[in-house]
PDB file of N, CA and C in Angstrom:
ATOM      1  N   MET A   1     -23.780  -9.605 -24.351  1.00  0.00           N
ATOM      2  CA  MET A   1     -24.455  -9.726 -23.085  1.00  0.00           C
ATOM      3  C   MET A   1     -25.114  -8.386 -22.788  1.00  0.00           C
ATOM      4  N   SER A   2     -26.358  -8.402 -22.303  1.00  0.00           N
ATOM      5  CA  SER A   2     -27.058  -7.148 -22.030  1.00  0.00           C
ATOM      6  C   SER A   2     -26.416  -6.455 -20.836  1.00  0.00           C
ATOM      7  N   SER A   3     -26.571  -5.142 -20.764  1.00  0.00           N
ATOM      8  CA  SER A   3     -25.963  -4.395 -19.671  1.00  0.00           C
ATOM      9  C   SER A   3     -26.557  -4.807 -18.328  1.00  0.00           C
ATOM     10  N   ARG A   4     -27.836  -5.177 -18.300  1.00  0.00           N
ATOM     11  CA  ARG A   4     -28.462  -5.608 -17.050  1.00  0.00           C
ATOM     12  C   ARG A   4     -27.771  -6.865 -16.517  1.00  0.00           C
ATOM     13  N   ILE A   5     -27.563  -7.842 -17.378  1.00  0.00           N
ATOM     14  CA  ILE A   5     -26.904  -9.076 -16.952  1.00  0.00           C
ATOM     15  C   ILE A   5     -25.462  -8.793 -16.544  1.00  0.00           C
ATOM     16  N   TYR A   6     -24.773  -7.945 -17.305  1.00  0.00           N
ATOM     17  CA  TYR A   6     -23.397  -7.601 -16.974  1.00  0.00           C
ATOM     18  C   TYR A   6     -23.329  -7.018 -15.565  1.00  0.00           C
ATOM     19  N   PHE A   7     -24.202  -6.073 -15.268  1.00  0.00           N
ATOM     20  CA  PHE A   7     -24.188  -5.461 -13.949  1.00  0.00           C
ATOM     21  C   PHE A   7     -24.557  -6.463 -12.863  1.00  0.00           C
ATOM     22  N   MET A   8     -25.462  -7.374 -13.177  1.00  0.00           N
ATOM     23  CA  MET A   8     -25.830  -8.373 -12.187  1.00  0.00           C
ATOM     24  C   MET A   8     -24.657  -9.313 -11.911  1.00  0.00           C
ATOM     25  N   LEU A   9     -23.952  -9.726 -12.943  1.00  0.00           N
ATOM     26  CA  LEU A   9     -22.797 -10.600 -12.754  1.00  0.00           C
ATOM     27  C   LEU A   9     -21.712  -9.894 -11.965  1.00  0.00           C
ATOM     28  N   VAL A  10     -21.461  -8.654 -12.318  1.00  0.00           N
ATOM     29  CA  VAL A  10     -20.463  -7.877 -11.592  1.00  0.00           C
ATOM     30  C   VAL A  10     -20.879  -7.774 -10.127  1.00  0.00           C
ATOM     31  N   ALA A  11     -22.138  -7.562  -9.927  1.00  0.00           N
ATOM     32  CA  ALA A  11     -22.633  -7.391  -8.569  1.00  0.00           C
ATOM     33  C   ALA A  11     -22.421  -8.630  -7.723  1.00  0.00           C
ATOM     34  N   ILE A  12     -22.728  -9.787  -8.253  1.00  0.00           N
ATOM     35  CA  ILE A  12     -22.624 -10.986  -7.438  1.00  0.00           C
ATOM     36  C   ILE A  12     -21.196 -11.346  -7.110  1.00  0.00           C
ATOM     37  N   PHE A  13     -20.337 -11.351  -8.045  1.00  0.00           N
ATOM     38  CA  PHE A  13     -19.046 -11.957  -7.830  1.00  0.00           C
ATOM     39  C   PHE A  13     -18.054 -10.915  -7.391  1.00  0.00           C
ATOM     40  N   THR A  14     -19.351 -12.434  -7.040  1.00  0.00           N
ATOM     41  CA  THR A  14     -18.629 -12.826  -6.969  1.00  0.00           C
ATOM     42  C   THR A  14     -17.485 -12.512  -5.980  1.00  0.00           C
ATOM     43  N   VAL A  15     -18.960 -14.530  -7.746  1.00  0.00           N
ATOM     44  CA  VAL A  15     -17.608 -14.307  -7.229  1.00  0.00           C
ATOM     45  C   VAL A  15     -18.665 -13.602  -7.176  1.00  0.00           C
ATOM     46  N   ALA A  16     -19.965 -12.659  -7.307  1.00  0.00           N
ATOM     47  CA  ALA A  16     -19.756 -11.949  -7.353  1.00  0.00           C
ATOM     48  C   ALA A  16     -20.722  -9.933  -6.588  1.00  0.00           C
ATOM     49  N   GLY A  17     -19.587  -7.727  -5.213  1.00  0.00           N
ATOM     50  CA  GLY A  17     -20.367  -6.679  -4.590  1.00  0.00           C
ATOM     51  C   GLY A  17     -21.461  -6.232  -5.506  1.00  0.00           C
ATOM     52  N   VAL A  18     -22.208  -5.296  -5.055  1.00  0.00           N
ATOM     53  CA  VAL A  18     -23.394  -4.842  -5.755  1.00  0.00           C
ATOM     54  C   VAL A  18     -23.160  -3.459  -6.344  1.00  0.00           C
ATOM     55  N   PHE A  19     -23.443  -3.300  -7.641  1.00  0.00           N
ATOM     56  CA  PHE A  19     -23.476  -1.973  -8.248  1.00  0.00           C
ATOM     57  C   PHE A  19     -24.843  -1.416  -7.920  1.00  0.00           C
ATOM     58  N   GLN A  20     -24.894  -0.457  -7.060  1.00  0.00           N
ATOM     59  CA  GLN A  20     -26.172   0.080  -6.638  1.00  0.00           C
ATOM     60  C   GLN A  20     -26.505   1.270  -7.520  1.00  0.00           C
ATOM     61  N   PHE A  21     -27.634   1.196  -8.175  1.00  0.00           N
ATOM     62  CA  PHE A  21     -28.033   2.229  -9.114  1.00  0.00           C
ATOM     63  C   PHE A  21     -28.445   3.513  -8.406  1.00  0.00           C
ATOM     64  N   SER A  22     -28.592   3.474  -7.111  1.00  0.00           N
ATOM     65  CA  SER A  22     -29.010   4.653  -6.356  1.00  0.00           C
ATOM     66  C   SER A  22     -27.880   5.641  -6.129  1.00  0.00           C
ATOM     67  N   GLY A  23     -26.665   5.291  -6.513  1.00  0.00           N
ATOM     68  CA  GLY A  23     -25.540   6.193  -6.328  1.00  0.00           C
ATOM     69  C   GLY A  23     -24.833   5.989  -5.001  1.00  0.00           C
ATOM     70  N   GLN A  24     -25.268   5.034  -4.203  1.00  0.00           N
ATOM     71  CA  GLN A  24     -24.591   4.746  -2.947  1.00  0.00           C
ATOM     72  C   GLN A  24     -23.300   4.007  -3.239  1.00  0.00           C
ATOM     73  N   VAL A  25     -22.431   3.924  -2.231  1.00  0.00           N
ATOM     74  CA  VAL A  25     -21.181   3.175  -2.398  1.00  0.00           C
ATOM     75  C   VAL A  25     -21.533   1.733  -2.702  1.00  0.00           C
ATOM     76  N   SER A  26     -20.924   1.178  -3.724  1.00  0.00           N
ATOM     77  CA  SER A  26     -21.252  -0.199  -4.111  1.00  0.00           C
ATOM     78  C   SER A  26     -20.655  -1.199  -3.134  1.00  0.00           C
ATOM     79  N   GLY A  27     -21.254  -2.375  -3.115  1.00  0.00           N
ATOM     80  CA  GLY A  27     -20.732  -3.449  -2.285  1.00  0.00           C
ATOM     81  C   GLY A  27     -19.311  -3.803  -2.673  1.00  0.00           C
ATOM     82  N   ALA A  28     -19.033  -3.736  -3.961  1.00  0.00           N
ATOM     83  CA  ALA A  28     -17.683  -4.057  -4.428  1.00  0.00           C
ATOM     84  C   ALA A  28     -16.663  -3.109  -3.821  1.00  0.00           C
ATOM     85  N   GLN A  29     -16.953  -1.829  -3.853  1.00  0.00           N
ATOM     86  CA  GLN A  29     -16.033  -0.856  -3.269  1.00  0.00           C
ATOM     87  C   GLN A  29     -15.928  -1.069  -1.768  1.00  0.00           C
ATOM     88  N   HIS A  30     -17.042  -1.381  -1.138  1.00  0.00           N
ATOM     89  CA  HIS A  30     -17.042  -1.635   0.306  1.00  0.00           C
ATOM     90  C   HIS A  30     -16.119  -2.807   0.640  1.00  0.00           C
ATOM     91  N   CYS A  31     -16.048  -3.784  -0.235  1.00  0.00           N
ATOM     92  CA  CYS A  31     -15.210  -4.961   0.002  1.00  0.00           C
ATOM     93  C   CYS A  31     -13.796  -4.781  -0.525  1.00  0.00           C
ATOM     94  N   GLY A  32     -13.420  -3.560  -0.864  1.00  0.00           N
ATOM     95  CA  GLY A  32     -12.056  -3.261  -1.266  1.00  0.00           C
ATOM     96  C   GLY A  32     -11.705  -3.613  -2.693  1.00  0.00           C
ATOM     97  N   MET A  33     -12.718  -3.772  -3.564  1.00  0.00           N
ATOM     98  CA  MET A  33     -12.461  -4.117  -4.960  1.00  0.00           C
ATOM     99  C   MET A  33     -12.611  -2.881  -5.831  1.00  0.00           C
ATOM    100  N   ASN A  34     -11.883  -2.872  -6.942  1.00  0.00           N
ATOM    101  CA  ASN A  34     -12.041  -1.784  -7.902  1.00  0.00           C
ATOM    102  C   ASN A  34     -12.666  -2.312  -9.191  1.00  0.00           C
ATOM    103  N   THR A  35     -12.986  -1.415 -10.106  1.00  0.00           N
ATOM    104  CA  THR A  35     -13.668  -1.835 -11.336  1.00  0.00           C
ATOM    105  C   THR A  35     -12.798  -2.733 -12.206  1.00  0.00           C
ATOM    106  N   ASN A  36     -11.485  -2.623 -12.107  1.00  0.00           N
ATOM    107  CA  ASN A  36     -10.596  -3.498 -12.865  1.00  0.00           C
ATOM    108  C   ASN A  36     -10.777  -4.951 -12.432  1.00  0.00           C
ATOM    109  N   VAL A  37     -10.802  -5.180 -11.119  1.00  0.00           N
ATOM    110  CA  VAL A  37     -10.998  -6.539 -10.601  1.00  0.00           C
ATOM    111  C   VAL A  37     -12.383  -7.039 -10.975  1.00  0.00           C
ATOM    112  N   LEU A  38     -13.393  -6.175 -10.878  1.00  0.00           N
ATOM    113  CA  LEU A  38     -14.742  -6.577 -11.247  1.00  0.00           C
ATOM    114  C   LEU A  38     -14.814  -7.017 -12.700  1.00  0.00           C
ATOM    115  N   GLY A  39     -14.194  -6.259 -13.578  1.00  0.00           N
ATOM    116  CA  GLY A  39     -14.176  -6.623 -14.997  1.00  0.00           C
ATOM    117  C   GLY A  39     -13.476  -7.952 -15.235  1.00  0.00           C
ATOM    118  N   GLN A  40     -12.382  -8.171 -14.517  1.00  0.00           N
ATOM    119  CA  GLN A  40     -11.655  -9.433 -14.636  1.00  0.00           C
ATOM    120  C   GLN A  40     -12.503 -10.598 -14.144  1.00  0.00           C
ATOM    121  N   LEU A  41     -13.253 -10.377 -13.062  1.00  0.00           N
ATOM    122  CA  LEU A  41     -14.123 -11.444 -12.555  1.00  0.00           C
ATOM    123  C   LEU A  41     -15.142 -11.854 -13.596  1.00  0.00           C
ATOM    124  N   VAL A  42     -15.752 -10.863 -14.223  1.00  0.00           N
ATOM    125  CA  VAL A  42     -16.759 -11.166 -15.239  1.00  0.00           C
ATOM    126  C   VAL A  42     -16.118 -11.897 -16.411  1.00  0.00           C
ATOM    127  N   SER A  43     -15.007 -11.380 -16.917  1.00  0.00           N
ATOM    128  CA  SER A  43     -14.402 -11.991 -18.104  1.00  0.00           C
ATOM    129  C   SER A  43     -13.806 -13.367 -17.826  1.00  0.00           C
ATOM    130  N   GLN A  44     -13.280 -13.576 -16.643  1.00  0.00           N
ATOM    131  CA  GLN A  44     -12.605 -14.845 -16.338  1.00  0.00           C
ATOM    132  C   GLN A  44     -13.505 -15.900 -15.689  1.00  0.00           C
ATOM    133  N   CYS A  45     -14.568 -15.462 -15.003  1.00  0.00           N
ATOM    134  CA  CYS A  45     -15.287 -16.406 -14.146  1.00  0.00           C
ATOM    135  C   CYS A  45     -16.773 -16.567 -14.417  1.00  0.00           C
ATOM    136  N   GLU A  46     -17.367 -15.735 -15.255  1.00  0.00           N
ATOM    137  CA  GLU A  46     -18.822 -15.774 -15.373  1.00  0.00           C
ATOM    138  C   GLU A  46     -19.358 -17.148 -15.771  1.00  0.00           C
ATOM    139  N   LYS A  47     -18.661 -17.860 -16.654  1.00  0.00           N
ATOM    140  CA  LYS A  47     -19.195 -19.149 -17.110  1.00  0.00           C
ATOM    141  C   LYS A  47     -19.206 -20.208 -16.003  1.00  0.00           C
ATOM    142  N   TYR A  48     -18.465 -19.973 -14.946  1.00  0.00           N
ATOM    143  CA  TYR A  48     -18.405 -20.939 -13.850  1.00  0.00           C
ATOM    144  C   TYR A  48     -19.481 -20.712 -12.792  1.00  0.00           C
ATOM    145  N   VAL A  49     -20.138 -19.539 -12.814  1.00  0.00           N
ATOM    146  CA  VAL A  49     -21.088 -19.220 -11.748  1.00  0.00           C
ATOM    147  C   VAL A  49     -22.516 -18.958 -12.224  1.00  0.00           C
ATOM    148  N   LEU A  50     -22.723 -18.891 -13.530  1.00  0.00           N
ATOM    149  CA  LEU A  50     -24.084 -18.684 -14.021  1.00  0.00           C
ATOM    150  C   LEU A  50     -24.960 -19.881 -13.663  1.00  0.00           C
ATOM    151  N   LYS A  51     -26.237 -19.616 -13.443  1.00  0.00           N
ATOM    152  CA  LYS A  51     -27.157 -20.709 -13.090  1.00  0.00           C
ATOM    153  C   LYS A  51     -27.206 -21.776 -14.175  1.00  0.00           C
ATOM    154  N   SER A  52     -27.172 -21.350 -15.426  1.00  0.00           N
ATOM    155  CA  SER A  52     -27.237 -22.322 -16.514  1.00  0.00           C
ATOM    156  C   SER A  52     -25.884 -23.019 -16.659  1.00  0.00           C
ATOM    157  N   GLY A  53     -25.947 -24.256 -17.072  1.00  0.00           N
ATOM    158  CA  GLY A  53     -24.729 -25.015 -17.308  1.00  0.00           C
ATOM    159  C   GLY A  53     -24.288 -25.824 -16.108  1.00  0.00           C
ATOM    160  N   PRO A  54     -23.329 -26.715 -16.342  1.00  0.00           N
ATOM    161  CA  PRO A  54     -22.867 -27.615 -15.281  1.00  0.00           C
ATOM    162  C   PRO A  54     -21.902 -26.918 -14.320  1.00  0.00           C
ATOM    163  N   LYS A  55     -21.706 -27.542 -13.167  1.00  0.00           N
ATOM    164  CA  LYS A  55     -20.697 -27.072 -12.214  1.00  0.00           C
ATOM    165  C   LYS A  55     -19.356 -27.619 -12.696  1.00  0.00           C
ATOM    166  N   ILE A  56     -18.437 -26.721 -13.036  1.00  0.00           N
ATOM    167  CA  ILE A  56     -17.118 -27.138 -13.512  1.00  0.00           C
ATOM    168  C   ILE A  56     -16.034 -26.381 -12.749  1.00  0.00           C
ATOM    169  N   ARG A  57     -14.875 -27.031 -12.658  1.00  0.00           N
ATOM    170  CA  ARG A  57     -13.744 -26.403 -11.955  1.00  0.00           C
ATOM    171  C   ARG A  57     -13.344 -25.133 -12.691  1.00  0.00           C
ATOM    172  N   PRO A  58     -13.026 -24.091 -11.942  1.00  0.00           N
ATOM    173  CA  PRO A  58     -12.623 -22.827 -12.570  1.00  0.00           C
ATOM    174  C   PRO A  58     -11.234 -22.918 -13.188  1.00  0.00           C
ATOM    175  N   SER A  59     -11.004 -22.053 -14.137  1.00  0.00           N
ATOM    176  CA  SER A  59      -9.698 -21.986 -14.795  1.00  0.00           C
ATOM    177  C   SER A  59      -8.678 -21.326 -13.868  1.00  0.00           C
ATOM    178  N   PRO A  60      -7.391 -21.521 -14.154  1.00  0.00           N
ATOM    179  CA  PRO A  60      -6.357 -20.817 -13.380  1.00  0.00           C
ATOM    180  C   PRO A  60      -6.535 -19.298 -13.453  1.00  0.00           C
ATOM    181  N   GLY A  61      -6.964 -18.788 -14.607  1.00  0.00           N
ATOM    182  CA  GLY A  61      -7.187 -17.341 -14.749  1.00  0.00           C
ATOM    183  C   GLY A  61      -8.286 -16.850 -13.831  1.00  0.00           C
ATOM    184  N   CYS A  62      -9.355 -17.624 -13.734  1.00  0.00           N
ATOM    185  CA  CYS A  62     -10.445 -17.280 -12.828  1.00  0.00           C
ATOM    186  C   CYS A  62      -9.939 -17.282 -11.385  1.00  0.00           C
ATOM    187  N   CYS A  63      -9.197 -18.306 -11.009  1.00  0.00           N
ATOM    188  CA  CYS A  63      -8.685 -18.400  -9.640  1.00  0.00           C
ATOM    189  C   CYS A  63      -7.760 -17.234  -9.297  1.00  0.00           C
ATOM    190  N   THR A  64      -6.963 -16.812 -10.243  1.00  0.00           N
ATOM    191  CA  THR A  64      -6.073 -15.668  -9.998  1.00  0.00           C
ATOM    192  C   THR A  64      -6.882 -14.448  -9.582  1.00  0.00           C
ATOM    193  N   VAL A  65      -8.003 -14.231 -10.252  1.00  0.00           N
ATOM    194  CA  VAL A  65      -8.848 -13.080  -9.934  1.00  0.00           C
ATOM    195  C   VAL A  65      -9.611 -13.309  -8.628  1.00  0.00           C
ATOM    196  N   VAL A  66     -10.160 -14.499  -8.452  1.00  0.00           N
ATOM    197  CA  VAL A  66     -10.948 -14.799  -7.248  1.00  0.00           C
ATOM    198  C   VAL A  66     -10.111 -14.586  -5.995  1.00  0.00           C
ATOM    199  N   LYS A  67      -8.836 -14.872  -6.060  1.00  0.00           N
ATOM    200  CA  LYS A  67      -7.962 -14.716  -4.893  1.00  0.00           C
ATOM    201  C   LYS A  67      -7.778 -13.253  -4.490  1.00  0.00           C
ATOM    202  N   LYS A  68      -8.184 -12.330  -5.346  1.00  0.00           N
ATOM    203  CA  LYS A  68      -8.109 -10.896  -5.043  1.00  0.00           C
ATOM    204  C   LYS A  68      -9.376 -10.398  -4.345  1.00  0.00           C
ATOM    205  N   VAL A  69     -10.365 -11.276  -4.209  1.00  0.00           N
ATOM    206  CA  VAL A  69     -11.683 -10.883  -3.733  1.00  0.00           C
ATOM    207  C   VAL A  69     -11.926 -11.374  -2.305  1.00  0.00           C
ATOM    208  N   ASP A  70     -12.533 -10.544  -1.499  1.00  0.00           N
ATOM    209  CA  ASP A  70     -12.964 -10.939  -0.157  1.00  0.00           C
ATOM    210  C   ASP A  70     -14.361 -11.528  -0.303  1.00  0.00           C
ATOM    211  N   VAL A  71     -14.418 -12.827  -0.633  1.00  0.00           N
ATOM    212  CA  VAL A  71     -15.696 -13.483  -0.934  1.00  0.00           C
ATOM    213  C   VAL A  71     -16.685 -13.392   0.228  1.00  0.00           C
ATOM    214  N   PRO A  72     -16.288 -13.655   1.477  1.00  0.00           N
ATOM    215  CA  PRO A  72     -17.256 -13.514   2.568  1.00  0.00           C
ATOM    216  C   PRO A  72     -17.846 -12.099   2.657  1.00  0.00           C
ATOM    217  N   CYS A  73     -17.057 -11.089   2.376  1.00  0.00           N
ATOM    218  CA  CYS A  73     -17.571  -9.721   2.358  1.00  0.00           C
ATOM    219  C   CYS A  73     -18.584  -9.555   1.236  1.00  0.00           C
ATOM    220  N   VAL A  74     -18.243 -10.044   0.052  1.00  0.00           N
ATOM    221  CA  VAL A  74     -19.145  -9.936  -1.099  1.00  0.00           C
ATOM    222  C   VAL A  74     -20.474 -10.625  -0.810  1.00  0.00           C
ATOM    223  N   CYS A  75     -20.426 -11.735  -0.092  1.00  0.00           N
ATOM    224  CA  CYS A  75     -21.653 -12.473   0.225  1.00  0.00           C
ATOM    225  C   CYS A  75     -22.679 -11.599   0.943  1.00  0.00           C
ATOM    226  N   LYS A  76     -22.230 -10.634   1.693  1.00  0.00           N
ATOM    227  CA  LYS A  76     -23.133  -9.754   2.427  1.00  0.00           C
ATOM    228  C   LYS A  76     -23.973  -8.880   1.503  1.00  0.00           C
ATOM    229  N   PHE A  77     -23.557  -8.748   0.247  1.00  0.00           N
ATOM    230  CA  PHE A  77     -24.227  -7.849  -0.686  1.00  0.00           C
ATOM    231  C   PHE A  77     -25.011  -8.572  -1.779  1.00  0.00           C
ATOM    232  N   VAL A  78     -25.150  -9.878  -1.652  1.00  0.00           N
ATOM    233  CA  VAL A  78     -25.891 -10.658  -2.641  1.00  0.00           C
ATOM    234  C   VAL A  78     -27.384 -10.384  -2.478  1.00  0.00           C
ATOM    235  N   THR A  79     -28.028 -10.007  -3.574  1.00  0.00           N
ATOM    236  CA  THR A  79     -29.460  -9.704  -3.550  1.00  0.00           C
ATOM    237  C   THR A  79     -30.250 -10.803  -4.256  1.00  0.00           C
ATOM    238  N   LYS A  80     -31.546 -10.738  -4.109  1.00  0.00           N
ATOM    239  CA  LYS A  80     -32.438 -11.684  -4.786  1.00  0.00           C
ATOM    240  C   LYS A  80     -32.252 -11.601  -6.304  1.00  0.00           C
ATOM    241  N   GLN A  81     -32.080 -10.386  -6.822  1.00  0.00           N
ATOM    242  CA  GLN A  81     -31.892 -10.193  -8.263  1.00  0.00           C
ATOM    243  C   GLN A  81     -30.609 -10.870  -8.744  1.00  0.00           C
ATOM    244  N   ILE A  82     -29.580 -10.807  -7.954  1.00  0.00           N
ATOM    245  CA  ILE A  82     -28.323 -11.467  -8.302  1.00  0.00           C
ATOM    246  C   ILE A  82     -28.506 -12.972  -8.306  1.00  0.00           C
ATOM    247  N   GLU A  83     -29.230 -13.470  -7.304  1.00  0.00           N
ATOM    248  CA  GLU A  83     -29.458 -14.913  -7.203  1.00  0.00           C
ATOM    249  C   GLU A  83     -30.290 -15.461  -8.355  1.00  0.00           C
ATOM    250  N   GLU A  84     -31.012 -14.614  -9.060  1.00  0.00           N
ATOM    251  CA  GLU A  84     -31.785 -15.056 -10.216  1.00  0.00           C
ATOM    252  C   GLU A  84     -30.881 -15.396 -11.393  1.00  0.00           C
ATOM    253  N   ILE A  85     -29.670 -14.865 -11.422  1.00  0.00           N
ATOM    254  CA  ILE A  85     -28.757 -15.053 -12.538  1.00  0.00           C
ATOM    255  C   ILE A  85     -27.571 -15.937 -12.171  1.00  0.00           C
ATOM    256  N   VAL A  86     -27.069 -15.761 -10.967  1.00  0.00           N
ATOM    257  CA  VAL A  86     -25.858 -16.449 -10.529  1.00  0.00           C
ATOM    258  C   VAL A  86     -26.211 -17.541  -9.529  1.00  0.00           C
ATOM    259  N   SER A  87     -25.590 -18.689  -9.690  1.00  0.00           N
ATOM    260  CA  SER A  87     -25.739 -19.783  -8.728  1.00  0.00           C
ATOM    261  C   SER A  87     -24.772 -19.533  -7.575  1.00  0.00           C
ATOM    262  N   ILE A  88     -25.323 -19.251  -6.408  1.00  0.00           N
ATOM    263  CA  ILE A  88     -24.467 -19.007  -5.253  1.00  0.00           C
ATOM    264  C   ILE A  88     -23.724 -20.285  -4.873  1.00  0.00           C
ATOM    265  N   GLU A  89     -24.371 -21.416  -5.047  1.00  0.00           N
ATOM    266  CA  GLU A  89     -23.698 -22.689  -4.785  1.00  0.00           C
ATOM    267  C   GLU A  89     -22.457 -22.828  -5.679  1.00  0.00           C
ATOM    268  N   LYS A  90     -22.587 -22.480  -6.965  1.00  0.00           N
ATOM    269  CA  LYS A  90     -21.432 -22.535  -7.872  1.00  0.00           C
ATOM    270  C   LYS A  90     -20.382 -21.496  -7.480  1.00  0.00           C
ATOM    271  N   MET A  91     -20.831 -20.318  -7.056  1.00  0.00           N
ATOM    272  CA  MET A  91     -19.892 -19.279  -6.659  1.00  0.00           C
ATOM    273  C   MET A  91     -19.038 -19.763  -5.484  1.00  0.00           C
ATOM    274  N   VAL A  92     -19.669 -20.410  -4.509  1.00  0.00           N
ATOM    275  CA  VAL A  92     -18.939 -20.943  -3.362  1.00  0.00           C
ATOM    276  C   VAL A  92     -17.998 -22.060  -3.814  1.00  0.00           C
ATOM    277  N   TYR A  93     -18.480 -22.913  -4.712  1.00  0.00           N
ATOM    278  CA  TYR A  93     -17.657 -23.994  -5.246  1.00  0.00           C
ATOM    279  C   TYR A  93     -16.410 -23.431  -5.940  1.00  0.00           C
ATOM    280  N   VAL A  94     -16.600 -22.401  -6.756  1.00  0.00           N
ATOM    281  CA  VAL A  94     -15.475 -21.776  -7.456  1.00  0.00           C
ATOM    282  C   VAL A  94     -14.489 -21.200  -6.445  1.00  0.00           C
ATOM    283  N   ALA A  95     -14.994 -20.448  -5.485  1.00  0.00           N
ATOM    284  CA  ALA A  95     -14.106 -19.840  -4.490  1.00  0.00           C
ATOM    285  C   ALA A  95     -13.318 -20.914  -3.738  1.00  0.00           C
ATOM    286  N   ARG A  96     -14.003 -21.943  -3.289  1.00  0.00           N
ATOM    287  CA  ARG A  96     -13.311 -23.017  -2.560  1.00  0.00           C
ATOM    288  C   ARG A  96     -12.323 -23.757  -3.459  1.00  0.00           C
ATOM    289  N   SER A  97     -12.683 -23.974  -4.716  1.00  0.00           N
ATOM    290  CA  SER A  97     -11.775 -24.636  -5.666  1.00  0.00           C
ATOM    291  C   SER A  97     -10.503 -23.821  -5.873  1.00  0.00           C
ATOM    292  N   CYS A  98     -10.613 -22.521  -5.675  1.00  0.00           N
ATOM    293  CA  CYS A  98      -9.473 -21.615  -5.834  1.00  0.00           C
ATOM    294  C   CYS A  98      -8.711 -21.415  -4.529  1.00  0.00           C
ATOM    295  N   GLY A  99      -9.106 -22.145  -3.488  1.00  0.00           N
ATOM    296  CA  GLY A  99      -8.387 -22.072  -2.227  1.00  0.00           C
ATOM    297  C   GLY A  99      -8.906 -21.034  -1.245  1.00  0.00           C
ATOM    298  N   ILE A 100     -10.051 -20.442  -1.519  1.00  0.00           N
ATOM    299  CA  ILE A 100     -10.641 -19.461  -0.620  1.00  0.00           C
ATOM    300  C   ILE A 100     -11.410 -20.206   0.470  1.00  0.00           C
ATOM    301  N   LYS A 101     -11.163 -19.870   1.699  1.00  0.00           N
ATOM    302  CA  LYS A 101     -11.862 -20.507   2.818  1.00  0.00           C
ATOM    303  C   LYS A 101     -13.185 -19.783   3.055  1.00  0.00           C
ATOM    304  N   ILE A 102     -14.267 -20.540   2.987  1.00  0.00           N
ATOM    305  CA  ILE A 102     -15.591 -20.021   3.309  1.00  0.00           C
ATOM    306  C   ILE A 102     -16.185 -20.998   4.314  1.00  0.00           C
ATOM    307  N   SER A 103     -16.409 -20.514   5.502  1.00  0.00           N
ATOM    308  CA  SER A 103     -16.873 -21.374   6.592  1.00  0.00           C
ATOM    309  C   SER A 103     -18.304 -21.841   6.373  1.00  0.00           C
ATOM    310  N   ALA A 104     -18.557 -23.076   6.768  1.00  0.00           N
ATOM    311  CA  ALA A 104     -19.927 -23.591   6.768  1.00  0.00           C
ATOM    312  C   ALA A 104     -20.756 -22.683   7.661  1.00  0.00           C
ATOM    313  N   GLY A 105     -21.976 -22.413   7.231  1.00  0.00           N
ATOM    314  CA  GLY A 105     -22.858 -21.537   7.980  1.00  0.00           C
ATOM    315  C   GLY A 105     -22.832 -20.094   7.514  1.00  0.00           C
ATOM    316  N   THR A 106     -21.847 -19.729   6.682  1.00  0.00           N
ATOM    317  CA  THR A 106     -21.778 -18.375   6.145  1.00  0.00           C
ATOM    318  C   THR A 106     -23.005 -18.129   5.285  1.00  0.00           C
ATOM    319  N   LYS A 107     -23.632 -16.987   5.456  1.00  0.00           N
ATOM    320  CA  LYS A 107     -24.784 -16.612   4.630  1.00  0.00           C
ATOM    321  C   LYS A 107     -24.271 -15.857   3.416  1.00  0.00           C
ATOM    322  N   CYS A 108     -24.751 -16.254   2.259  1.00  0.00           N
ATOM    323  CA  CYS A 108     -24.403 -15.578   1.003  1.00  0.00           C
ATOM    324  C   CYS A 108     -25.731 -15.336   0.301  1.00  0.00           C
ATOM    325  N   GLY A 109     -26.295 -14.154   0.459  1.00  0.00           N
ATOM    326  CA  GLY A 109     -27.654 -13.921   0.018  1.00  0.00           C
ATOM    327  C   GLY A 109     -28.573 -14.784   0.866  1.00  0.00           C
ATOM    328  N   ARG A 110     -29.467 -15.509   0.207  1.00  0.00           N
ATOM    329  CA  ARG A 110     -30.363 -16.416   0.923  1.00  0.00           C
ATOM    330  C   ARG A 110     -29.744 -17.796   1.111  1.00  0.00           C
ATOM    331  N   PHE A 111     -28.589 -18.016   0.528  1.00  0.00           N
ATOM    332  CA  PHE A 111     -27.915 -19.314   0.551  1.00  0.00           C
ATOM    333  C   PHE A 111     -27.059 -19.439   1.814  1.00  0.00           C
ATOM    334  N   THR A 112     -27.146 -20.567   2.475  1.00  0.00           N
ATOM    335  CA  THR A 112     -26.265 -20.849   3.621  1.00  0.00           C
ATOM    336  C   THR A 112     -25.228 -21.871   3.170  1.00  0.00           C
ATOM    337  N   VAL A 113     -23.972 -21.498   3.320  1.00  0.00           N
ATOM    338  CA  VAL A 113     -22.867 -22.339   2.877  1.00  0.00           C
ATOM    339  C   VAL A 113     -22.810 -23.603   3.735  1.00  0.00           C
ATOM    340  N   ARG A 114     -22.695 -24.742   3.033  1.00  0.00           N
ATOM    341  CA  ARG A 114     -22.565 -26.039   3.718  1.00  0.00           C
ATOM    342  C   ARG A 114     -21.089 -26.382   3.854  1.00  0.00           C
ATOM    343  N   SER A 115     -20.805 -27.391   4.674  1.00  0.00           N
ATOM    344  CA  SER A 115     -19.407 -27.815   4.818  1.00  0.00           C
ATOM    345  C   SER A 115     -18.932 -28.410   3.499  1.00  0.00           C
ATOM    346  N   ALA A 116     -17.640 -28.292   3.293  1.00  0.00           N
ATOM    347  CA  ALA A 116     -17.053 -28.745   2.017  1.00  0.00           C
ATOM    348  C   ALA A 116     -17.064 -30.241   1.894  1.00  0.00           C
TER     349      ALA A 116
END
């Protein structure tokens, strides 16, 4: 996987805060996540949130990691570039499938979360 895509996946998830190349505090750090959790999100969950492919239930391993993430906080840092790679609809589906409550009306990038 190219480093650009890796950074974009890490940024969205997710799941996924934003690695800001400007040297500012990343969205992930702002949401209380560390690089270990970010790496786990990418390795465990990327196939469930990429735009390509079907919407499928996440694995137990993915859910274990997702439960460590403040998804509503992460949603505040979703950029247009992230949305080009990651399906926000799938990201919300994964989070909800893992038991994370995301209220209808929550903005996640340009996406508005619908009721479950």
